[in-house]
């Protein structure tokens, strides 16, 4: 039987990287390459430490980091497993494509519409644009492998992109190419029930629960570069946030 160390390829030499980071990298790459699949159990921390010849503290620190990334999940009394549901961290500003690739999933999109036009009064408020300013609008179904995961509606000021057609697999990739990728964002999450039209697009039942994330992305100079509404399937996504106590 193949050992866990053999499955992840052991620890990779990575310059002067600490052992826990080497272990994180090895497990992360094993998930990305699908050597470790969804719901696969990891050995107990003591066994993993013995097998890899490192301390339990090193193992615990490595696994803690991967749990916070959403790649692993701990189940009370059962152990540590590769996450089956997608866990999206609110503390990290990343694209859907980046999230899926980091979890060993293959992202792709189906465009429902892609257009240019003039900003609406509501959009002018959220984007901070004057009346008549040009914008681009994108409506997509986002997939992980072959499973539809989310509906996404994005509006961007036209200064951010040369045309709507440059957006292919990743909106953030297109924005990064023009130097307009957001560096911070404000997000709001609320529960929703999918309409019949939305449910049909996602292959779920009308009235199924979902999560709506409304995001405004900002450039370093404070300008809004993105307003996105993403409707995530409630049966496929968990959103996590790390909270730290404020010292009195």
C-alpha atoms as a PDB file:
ATOM      1  CA  UNK A   1       0.000   0.000   0.000  1.00  0.00           C
ATOM      2  CA  UNK A   2       1.350   3.409  -0.966  1.00  0.00           C
ATOM      3  CA  UNK A   3       2.273   5.540   2.027  1.00  0.00           C
ATOM      4  CA  UNK A   4       1.014   9.081   2.433  1.00  0.00           C
ATOM      5  CA  UNK A   5       4.562  10.414   2.066  1.00  0.00           C
ATOM      6  CA  UNK A   6       4.861   8.615  -1.292  1.00  0.00           C
ATOM      7  CA  UNK A   7       1.510  10.019  -2.422  1.00  0.00           C
ATOM      8  CA  UNK A   8       2.548  13.618  -1.758  1.00  0.00           C
ATOM      9  CA  UNK A   9       6.113  13.071  -2.954  1.00  0.00           C
ATOM     10  CA  UNK A  10       7.693  13.752   0.419  1.00  0.00           C
ATOM     11  CA  UNK A  11       8.974  17.159   1.439  1.00  0.00           C
ATOM     12  CA  UNK A  12      10.375  19.318  -1.343  1.00  0.00           C
ATOM     13  CA  UNK A  13      13.589  21.226  -0.866  1.00  0.00           C
ATOM     14  CA  UNK A  14      12.595  24.853  -1.203  1.00  0.00           C
ATOM     15  CA  UNK A  15      15.597  26.976  -0.344  1.00  0.00           C
ATOM     16  CA  UNK A  16      15.365  28.013   3.261  1.00  0.00           C
ATOM     17  CA  UNK A  17      11.604  27.478   3.538  1.00  0.00           C
ATOM     18  CA  UNK A  18      10.526  26.153   6.946  1.00  0.00           C
ATOM     19  CA  UNK A  19       9.504  22.506   7.106  1.00  0.00           C
ATOM     20  CA  UNK A  20       5.842  23.338   7.673  1.00  0.00           C
ATOM     21  CA  UNK A  21       5.783  25.375   4.451  1.00  0.00           C
ATOM     22  CA  UNK A  22       7.436  22.522   2.569  1.00  0.00           C
ATOM     23  CA  UNK A  23       4.726  20.189   3.869  1.00  0.00           C
ATOM     24  CA  UNK A  24       1.992  22.654   2.929  1.00  0.00           C
ATOM     25  CA  UNK A  25       3.403  22.897  -0.566  1.00  0.00           C
ATOM     26  CA  UNK A  26       3.595  19.107  -0.974  1.00  0.00           C
ATOM     27  CA  UNK A  27      -0.020  18.591   0.143  1.00  0.00           C
ATOM     28  CA  UNK A  28      -1.259  21.549  -1.906  1.00  0.00           C
ATOM     29  CA  UNK A  29       0.409  20.192  -5.057  1.00  0.00           C
ATOM     30  CA  UNK A  30      -1.025  16.721  -4.394  1.00  0.00           C
ATOM     31  CA  UNK A  31      -4.521  18.231  -4.236  1.00  0.00           C
ATOM     32  CA  UNK A  32      -3.956  20.326  -7.368  1.00  0.00           C
ATOM     33  CA  UNK A  33      -2.747  17.244  -9.270  1.00  0.00           C
ATOM     34  CA  UNK A  34      -5.694  15.245  -7.856  1.00  0.00           C
ATOM     35  CA  UNK A  35      -3.371  12.746  -6.192  1.00  0.00           C
ATOM     36  CA  UNK A  36      -5.476  13.562  -3.143  1.00  0.00           C
ATOM     37  CA  UNK A  37      -9.176  13.730  -3.930  1.00  0.00           C
ATOM     38  CA  UNK A  38     -12.188  15.293  -2.234  1.00  0.00           C
ATOM     39  CA  UNK A  39     -12.980  13.666   1.133  1.00  0.00           C
ATOM     40  CA  UNK A  40      -9.671  11.779   1.244  1.00  0.00           C
ATOM     41  CA  UNK A  41      -8.573  11.346   4.858  1.00  0.00           C
ATOM     42  CA  UNK A  42      -5.131  12.425   6.012  1.00  0.00           C
ATOM     43  CA  UNK A  43      -3.211  10.299   8.528  1.00  0.00           C
ATOM     44  CA  UNK A  44      -3.414  11.307  12.178  1.00  0.00           C
ATOM     45  CA  UNK A  45      -0.968  14.082  13.047  1.00  0.00           C
ATOM     46  CA  UNK A  46       1.204  11.728  15.136  1.00  0.00           C
ATOM     47  CA  UNK A  47       1.382   9.171  12.303  1.00  0.00           C
ATOM     48  CA  UNK A  48       2.088  11.867   9.719  1.00  0.00           C
ATOM     49  CA  UNK A  49       4.893  13.295  11.858  1.00  0.00           C
ATOM     50  CA  UNK A  50       6.479   9.864  12.292  1.00  0.00           C
ATOM     51  CA  UNK A  51       6.182   9.046   8.591  1.00  0.00           C
ATOM     52  CA  UNK A  52       7.751  12.328   7.456  1.00  0.00           C
ATOM     53  CA  UNK A  53      10.318  12.542  10.240  1.00  0.00           C
ATOM     54  CA  UNK A  54       9.132  15.940  11.496  1.00  0.00           C
ATOM     55  CA  UNK A  55       7.607  17.178  14.725  1.00  0.00           C
ATOM     56  CA  UNK A  56       3.879  17.177  15.458  1.00  0.00           C
ATOM     57  CA  UNK A  57       4.119  20.944  15.875  1.00  0.00           C
ATOM     58  CA  UNK A  58       5.345  21.197  12.272  1.00  0.00           C
ATOM     59  CA  UNK A  59       2.492  18.986  11.052  1.00  0.00           C
ATOM     60  CA  UNK A  60      -0.114  20.907  13.047  1.00  0.00           C
ATOM     61  CA  UNK A  61       1.142  24.287  11.749  1.00  0.00           C
ATOM     62  CA  UNK A  62       1.109  23.049   8.147  1.00  0.00           C
ATOM     63  CA  UNK A  63      -2.394  21.617   8.404  1.00  0.00           C
ATOM     64  CA  UNK A  64      -3.712  24.710  10.194  1.00  0.00           C
ATOM     65  CA  UNK A  65      -2.609  26.833   7.250  1.00  0.00           C
ATOM     66  CA  UNK A  66      -4.259  24.540   4.690  1.00  0.00           C
ATOM     67  CA  UNK A  67      -7.467  24.476   6.736  1.00  0.00           C
ATOM     68  CA  UNK A  68      -7.533  28.289   6.729  1.00  0.00           C
ATOM     69  CA  UNK A  69      -7.070  28.223   2.929  1.00  0.00           C
ATOM     70  CA  UNK A  70     -10.080  25.926   2.629  1.00  0.00           C
ATOM     71  CA  UNK A  71      -8.097  23.033   1.141  1.00  0.00           C
ATOM     72  CA  UNK A  72      -8.534  20.839   4.204  1.00  0.00           C
ATOM     73  CA  UNK A  73     -11.321  20.489   6.735  1.00  0.00           C
ATOM     74  CA  UNK A  74     -11.363  19.049  10.256  1.00  0.00           C
ATOM     75  CA  UNK A  75     -14.242  16.891  11.437  1.00  0.00           C
ATOM     76  CA  UNK A  76     -14.769  16.514  15.146  1.00  0.00           C
ATOM     77  CA  UNK A  77     -13.725  13.036  16.248  1.00  0.00           C
ATOM     78  CA  UNK A  78     -12.955  11.912  12.685  1.00  0.00           C
ATOM     79  CA  UNK A  79      -9.768  13.691  11.636  1.00  0.00           C
ATOM     80  CA  UNK A  80      -8.573  15.886   8.782  1.00  0.00           C
ATOM     81  CA  UNK A  81      -9.888  15.519   5.239  1.00  0.00           C
ATOM     82  CA  UNK A  82      -9.440  17.090   1.816  1.00  0.00           C
ATOM     83  CA  UNK A  83     -12.328  19.539   1.534  1.00  0.00           C
ATOM     84  CA  UNK A  84     -15.172  18.376  -0.703  1.00  0.00           C
ATOM     85  CA  UNK A  85     -17.193  21.564  -0.555  1.00  0.00           C
ATOM     86  CA  UNK A  86     -15.421  24.684  -1.753  1.00  0.00           C
ATOM     87  CA  UNK A  87     -14.426  26.947   1.118  1.00  0.00           C
ATOM     88  CA  UNK A  88     -13.899  30.558   0.065  1.00  0.00           C
ATOM     89  CA  UNK A  89     -11.971  32.763   2.449  1.00  0.00           C
ATOM     90  CA  UNK A  90     -13.222  36.300   2.937  1.00  0.00           C
ATOM     91  CA  UNK A  91      -9.729  37.346   3.981  1.00  0.00           C
ATOM     92  CA  UNK A  92      -8.171  36.734   0.554  1.00  0.00           C
ATOM     93  CA  UNK A  93      -9.002  38.701  -2.610  1.00  0.00           C
ATOM     94  CA  UNK A  94      -8.776  36.046  -5.308  1.00  0.00           C
ATOM     95  CA  UNK A  95     -10.643  35.172  -8.467  1.00  0.00           C
ATOM     96  CA  UNK A  96     -12.982  32.217  -8.968  1.00  0.00           C
ATOM     97  CA  UNK A  97     -10.461  30.684 -11.375  1.00  0.00           C
ATOM     98  CA  UNK A  98      -7.621  31.002  -8.870  1.00  0.00           C
ATOM     99  CA  UNK A  99      -9.761  29.467  -6.124  1.00  0.00           C
ATOM    100  CA  UNK A 100     -10.690  26.456  -8.252  1.00  0.00           C
ATOM    101  CA  UNK A 101      -7.162  25.831  -9.563  1.00  0.00           C
ATOM    102  CA  UNK A 102      -5.749  25.951  -6.024  1.00  0.00           C
ATOM    103  CA  UNK A 103      -8.230  23.204  -5.083  1.00  0.00           C
ATOM    104  CA  UNK A 104      -7.343  20.950  -7.974  1.00  0.00           C
ATOM    105  CA  UNK A 105     -10.474  21.830  -9.941  1.00  0.00           C
ATOM    106  CA  UNK A 106     -10.618  22.945 -13.581  1.00  0.00           C
ATOM    107  CA  UNK A 107     -12.483  26.270 -13.934  1.00  0.00           C
ATOM    108  CA  UNK A 108     -14.268  27.502 -17.018  1.00  0.00           C
ATOM    109  CA  UNK A 109     -17.079  29.893 -17.844  1.00  0.00           C
ATOM    110  CA  UNK A 110     -20.047  30.119 -20.141  1.00  0.00           C
ATOM    111  CA  UNK A 111     -20.892  33.664 -21.167  1.00  0.00           C
ATOM    112  CA  UNK A 112     -24.609  34.401 -21.118  1.00  0.00           C
ATOM    113  CA  UNK A 113     -23.973  37.972 -22.231  1.00  0.00           C
ATOM    114  CA  UNK A 114     -21.035  40.279 -22.830  1.00  0.00           C
ATOM    115  CA  UNK A 115     -21.761  43.874 -23.773  1.00  0.00           C
ATOM    116  CA  UNK A 116     -20.787  47.526 -23.608  1.00  0.00           C
ATOM    117  CA  UNK A 117     -23.039  50.462 -22.809  1.00  0.00           C
ATOM    118  CA  UNK A 118     -23.504  53.582 -20.733  1.00  0.00           C
ATOM    119  CA  UNK A 119     -23.602  53.546 -16.969  1.00  0.00           C
ATOM    120  CA  UNK A 120     -27.050  53.435 -15.348  1.00  0.00           C
ATOM    121  CA  UNK A 121     -27.900  55.775 -12.443  1.00  0.00           C
ATOM    122  CA  UNK A 122     -27.524  52.903  -9.969  1.00  0.00           C
ATOM    123  CA  UNK A 123     -24.209  51.802 -11.484  1.00  0.00           C
ATOM    124  CA  UNK A 124     -22.896  55.373 -11.419  1.00  0.00           C
ATOM    125  CA  UNK A 125     -23.325  55.411  -7.640  1.00  0.00           C
ATOM    126  CA  UNK A 126     -21.560  52.102  -7.012  1.00  0.00           C
ATOM    127  CA  UNK A 127     -18.804  52.697  -9.575  1.00  0.00           C
ATOM    128  CA  UNK A 128     -18.314  56.391  -8.826  1.00  0.00           C
ATOM    129  CA  UNK A 129     -18.760  57.332 -12.489  1.00  0.00           C
ATOM    130  CA  UNK A 130     -20.396  60.384 -14.003  1.00  0.00           C
ATOM    131  CA  UNK A 131     -23.554  60.199 -16.166  1.00  0.00           C
ATOM    132  CA  UNK A 132     -22.914  58.812 -19.638  1.00  0.00           C
ATOM    133  CA  UNK A 133     -19.652  57.048 -18.722  1.00  0.00           C
ATOM    134  CA  UNK A 134     -19.006  53.863 -20.767  1.00  0.00           C
ATOM    135  CA  UNK A 135     -18.994  50.482 -19.024  1.00  0.00           C
ATOM    136  CA  UNK A 136     -18.651  46.792 -19.836  1.00  0.00           C
ATOM    137  CA  UNK A 137     -21.079  44.174 -18.500  1.00  0.00           C
ATOM    138  CA  UNK A 138     -20.523  40.430 -18.171  1.00  0.00           C
ATOM    139  CA  UNK A 139     -22.958  37.679 -17.192  1.00  0.00           C
ATOM    140  CA  UNK A 140     -21.435  34.212 -16.798  1.00  0.00           C
ATOM    141  CA  UNK A 141     -22.025  30.744 -15.411  1.00  0.00           C
ATOM    142  CA  UNK A 142     -18.917  29.665 -13.521  1.00  0.00           C
ATOM    143  CA  UNK A 143     -17.979  25.978 -13.574  1.00  0.00           C
ATOM    144  CA  UNK A 144     -15.611  23.802 -11.558  1.00  0.00           C
ATOM    145  CA  UNK A 145     -14.762  20.809 -13.730  1.00  0.00           C
ATOM    146  CA  UNK A 146     -18.176  20.158 -15.319  1.00  0.00           C
ATOM    147  CA  UNK A 147     -20.297  21.313 -12.375  1.00  0.00           C
ATOM    148  CA  UNK A 148     -22.016  24.726 -12.513  1.00  0.00           C
ATOM    149  CA  UNK A 149     -21.099  26.525  -9.292  1.00  0.00           C
ATOM    150  CA  UNK A 150     -22.233  30.134  -9.578  1.00  0.00           C
ATOM    151  CA  UNK A 151     -23.918  32.846 -11.625  1.00  0.00           C
ATOM    152  CA  UNK A 152     -21.896  36.025 -11.925  1.00  0.00           C
ATOM    153  CA  UNK A 153     -22.896  39.539 -13.027  1.00  0.00           C
ATOM    154  CA  UNK A 154     -20.052  42.067 -13.360  1.00  0.00           C
ATOM    155  CA  UNK A 155     -19.917  45.713 -14.421  1.00  0.00           C
ATOM    156  CA  UNK A 156     -16.606  47.481 -15.056  1.00  0.00           C
ATOM    157  CA  UNK A 157     -15.698  51.026 -16.089  1.00  0.00           C
ATOM    158  CA  UNK A 158     -14.474  51.027 -19.678  1.00  0.00           C
ATOM    159  CA  UNK A 159     -11.101  52.528 -18.727  1.00  0.00           C
ATOM    160  CA  UNK A 160     -10.162  49.190 -17.138  1.00  0.00           C
ATOM    161  CA  UNK A 161     -10.178  47.126 -20.355  1.00  0.00           C
ATOM    162  CA  UNK A 162      -9.553  47.813 -24.060  1.00  0.00           C
ATOM    163  CA  UNK A 163     -12.719  45.877 -24.969  1.00  0.00           C
ATOM    164  CA  UNK A 164     -15.206  43.406 -23.533  1.00  0.00           C
ATOM    165  CA  UNK A 165     -13.797  40.663 -25.779  1.00  0.00           C
ATOM    166  CA  UNK A 166     -10.441  40.522 -23.968  1.00  0.00           C
ATOM    167  CA  UNK A 167     -12.095  38.758 -21.022  1.00  0.00           C
ATOM    168  CA  UNK A 168     -11.706  35.015 -21.575  1.00  0.00           C
ATOM    169  CA  UNK A 169     -11.374  32.516 -18.732  1.00  0.00           C
ATOM    170  CA  UNK A 170     -10.653  34.983 -15.911  1.00  0.00           C
ATOM    171  CA  UNK A 171     -11.824  38.568 -15.433  1.00  0.00           C
ATOM    172  CA  UNK A 172      -9.041  39.253 -12.933  1.00  0.00           C
ATOM    173  CA  UNK A 173      -6.464  37.908 -15.375  1.00  0.00           C
ATOM    174  CA  UNK A 174      -7.682  40.396 -17.994  1.00  0.00           C
ATOM    175  CA  UNK A 175      -7.615  43.223 -15.448  1.00  0.00           C
ATOM    176  CA  UNK A 176      -4.107  42.276 -14.334  1.00  0.00           C
ATOM    177  CA  UNK A 177      -2.913  42.431 -17.946  1.00  0.00           C
ATOM    178  CA  UNK A 178      -3.993  46.084 -18.151  1.00  0.00           C
ATOM    179  CA  UNK A 179      -2.725  47.000 -14.684  1.00  0.00           C
ATOM    180  CA  UNK A 180      -6.244  47.374 -13.269  1.00  0.00           C
ATOM    181  CA  UNK A 181      -6.597  44.354 -11.002  1.00  0.00           C
ATOM    182  CA  UNK A 182      -8.241  45.384  -7.700  1.00  0.00           C
ATOM    183  CA  UNK A 183      -6.021  45.426  -4.641  1.00  0.00           C
ATOM    184  CA  UNK A 184      -8.816  45.503  -2.066  1.00  0.00           C
ATOM    185  CA  UNK A 185     -12.554  44.946  -2.002  1.00  0.00           C
ATOM    186  CA  UNK A 186     -15.677  45.428   0.068  1.00  0.00           C
ATOM    187  CA  UNK A 187     -17.964  42.399   0.128  1.00  0.00           C
ATOM    188  CA  UNK A 188     -21.421  41.727   1.491  1.00  0.00           C
ATOM    189  CA  UNK A 189     -22.909  38.256   1.851  1.00  0.00           C
ATOM    190  CA  UNK A 190     -26.570  37.352   2.222  1.00  0.00           C
ATOM    191  CA  UNK A 191     -28.730  34.284   1.803  1.00  0.00           C
ATOM    192  CA  UNK A 192     -31.036  34.056  -1.228  1.00  0.00           C
ATOM    193  CA  UNK A 193     -33.419  31.588  -2.851  1.00  0.00           C
ATOM    194  CA  UNK A 194     -32.773  30.860  -6.505  1.00  0.00           C
ATOM    195  CA  UNK A 195     -35.423  31.867  -9.008  1.00  0.00           C
ATOM    196  CA  UNK A 196     -36.666  29.339 -11.555  1.00  0.00           C
ATOM    197  CA  UNK A 197     -34.522  30.938 -14.262  1.00  0.00           C
ATOM    198  CA  UNK A 198     -31.373  30.941 -12.124  1.00  0.00           C
ATOM    199  CA  UNK A 199     -32.002  27.387 -10.926  1.00  0.00           C
ATOM    200  CA  UNK A 200     -32.330  26.092 -14.493  1.00  0.00           C
ATOM    201  CA  UNK A 201     -28.954  27.613 -15.412  1.00  0.00           C
ATOM    202  CA  UNK A 202     -27.278  25.986 -12.401  1.00  0.00           C
ATOM    203  CA  UNK A 203     -29.048  22.629 -12.700  1.00  0.00           C
ATOM    204  CA  UNK A 204     -30.745  22.878  -9.306  1.00  0.00           C
ATOM    205  CA  UNK A 205     -34.345  23.236  -8.136  1.00  0.00           C
ATOM    206  CA  UNK A 206     -36.192  26.547  -8.022  1.00  0.00           C
ATOM    207  CA  UNK A 207     -36.230  27.848  -4.471  1.00  0.00           C
ATOM    208  CA  UNK A 208     -32.986  26.121  -3.495  1.00  0.00           C
ATOM    209  CA  UNK A 209     -30.865  28.208  -1.114  1.00  0.00           C
ATOM    210  CA  UNK A 210     -27.851  30.123  -2.304  1.00  0.00           C
ATOM    211  CA  UNK A 211     -25.367  32.751  -1.215  1.00  0.00           C
ATOM    212  CA  UNK A 212     -25.147  36.164  -2.858  1.00  0.00           C
ATOM    213  CA  UNK A 213     -21.815  37.969  -2.662  1.00  0.00           C
ATOM    214  CA  UNK A 214     -21.855  41.615  -3.690  1.00  0.00           C
ATOM    215  CA  UNK A 215     -18.334  42.935  -4.215  1.00  0.00           C
ATOM    216  CA  UNK A 216     -16.788  46.281  -5.081  1.00  0.00           C
ATOM    217  CA  UNK A 217     -13.119  46.103  -6.071  1.00  0.00           C
ATOM    218  CA  UNK A 218     -10.805  49.101  -5.704  1.00  0.00           C
ATOM    219  CA  UNK A 219      -7.576  50.208  -7.360  1.00  0.00           C
ATOM    220  CA  UNK A 220      -4.649  51.554  -5.298  1.00  0.00           C
ATOM    221  CA  UNK A 221      -5.811  55.136  -6.005  1.00  0.00           C
ATOM    222  CA  UNK A 222      -9.268  54.401  -4.580  1.00  0.00           C
ATOM    223  CA  UNK A 223     -11.191  54.183  -7.841  1.00  0.00           C
ATOM    224  CA  UNK A 224     -13.794  51.420  -8.136  1.00  0.00           C
ATOM    225  CA  UNK A 225     -12.811  49.034 -10.926  1.00  0.00           C
ATOM    226  CA  UNK A 226     -15.353  46.247 -10.464  1.00  0.00           C
ATOM    227  CA  UNK A 227     -18.880  45.713  -9.192  1.00  0.00           C
ATOM    228  CA  UNK A 228     -19.841  42.036  -9.136  1.00  0.00           C
ATOM    229  CA  UNK A 229     -22.831  40.077  -7.910  1.00  0.00           C
ATOM    230  CA  UNK A 230     -22.112  36.356  -7.575  1.00  0.00           C
ATOM    231  CA  UNK A 231     -24.850  33.831  -6.775  1.00  0.00           C
ATOM    232  CA  UNK A 232     -23.230  30.703  -5.352  1.00  0.00           C
ATOM    233  CA  UNK A 233     -24.926  27.349  -4.895  1.00  0.00           C
ATOM    234  CA  UNK A 234     -25.594  26.813  -1.219  1.00  0.00           C
ATOM    235  CA  UNK A 235     -24.903  23.079  -1.503  1.00  0.00           C
ATOM    236  CA  UNK A 236     -21.405  23.593  -2.889  1.00  0.00           C
ATOM    237  CA  UNK A 237     -19.880  26.588  -1.115  1.00  0.00           C
ATOM    238  CA  UNK A 238     -18.853  27.548   2.391  1.00  0.00           C
ATOM    239  CA  UNK A 239     -17.498  31.003   3.176  1.00  0.00           C
ATOM    240  CA  UNK A 240     -15.022  31.352   6.006  1.00  0.00           C
ATOM    241  CA  UNK A 241     -13.394  34.318   7.731  1.00  0.00           C
ATOM    242  CA  UNK A 242     -10.612  34.463  10.262  1.00  0.00           C
ATOM    243  CA  UNK A 243     -11.404  36.696  13.228  1.00  0.00           C
ATOM    244  CA  UNK A 244      -8.863  38.079  15.657  1.00  0.00           C
ATOM    245  CA  UNK A 245      -9.624  39.537  19.057  1.00  0.00           C
ATOM    246  CA  UNK A 246      -8.851  43.234  19.547  1.00  0.00           C
ATOM    247  CA  UNK A 247      -6.662  43.881  22.552  1.00  0.00           C
ATOM    248  CA  UNK A 248      -8.284  46.069  25.165  1.00  0.00           C
END
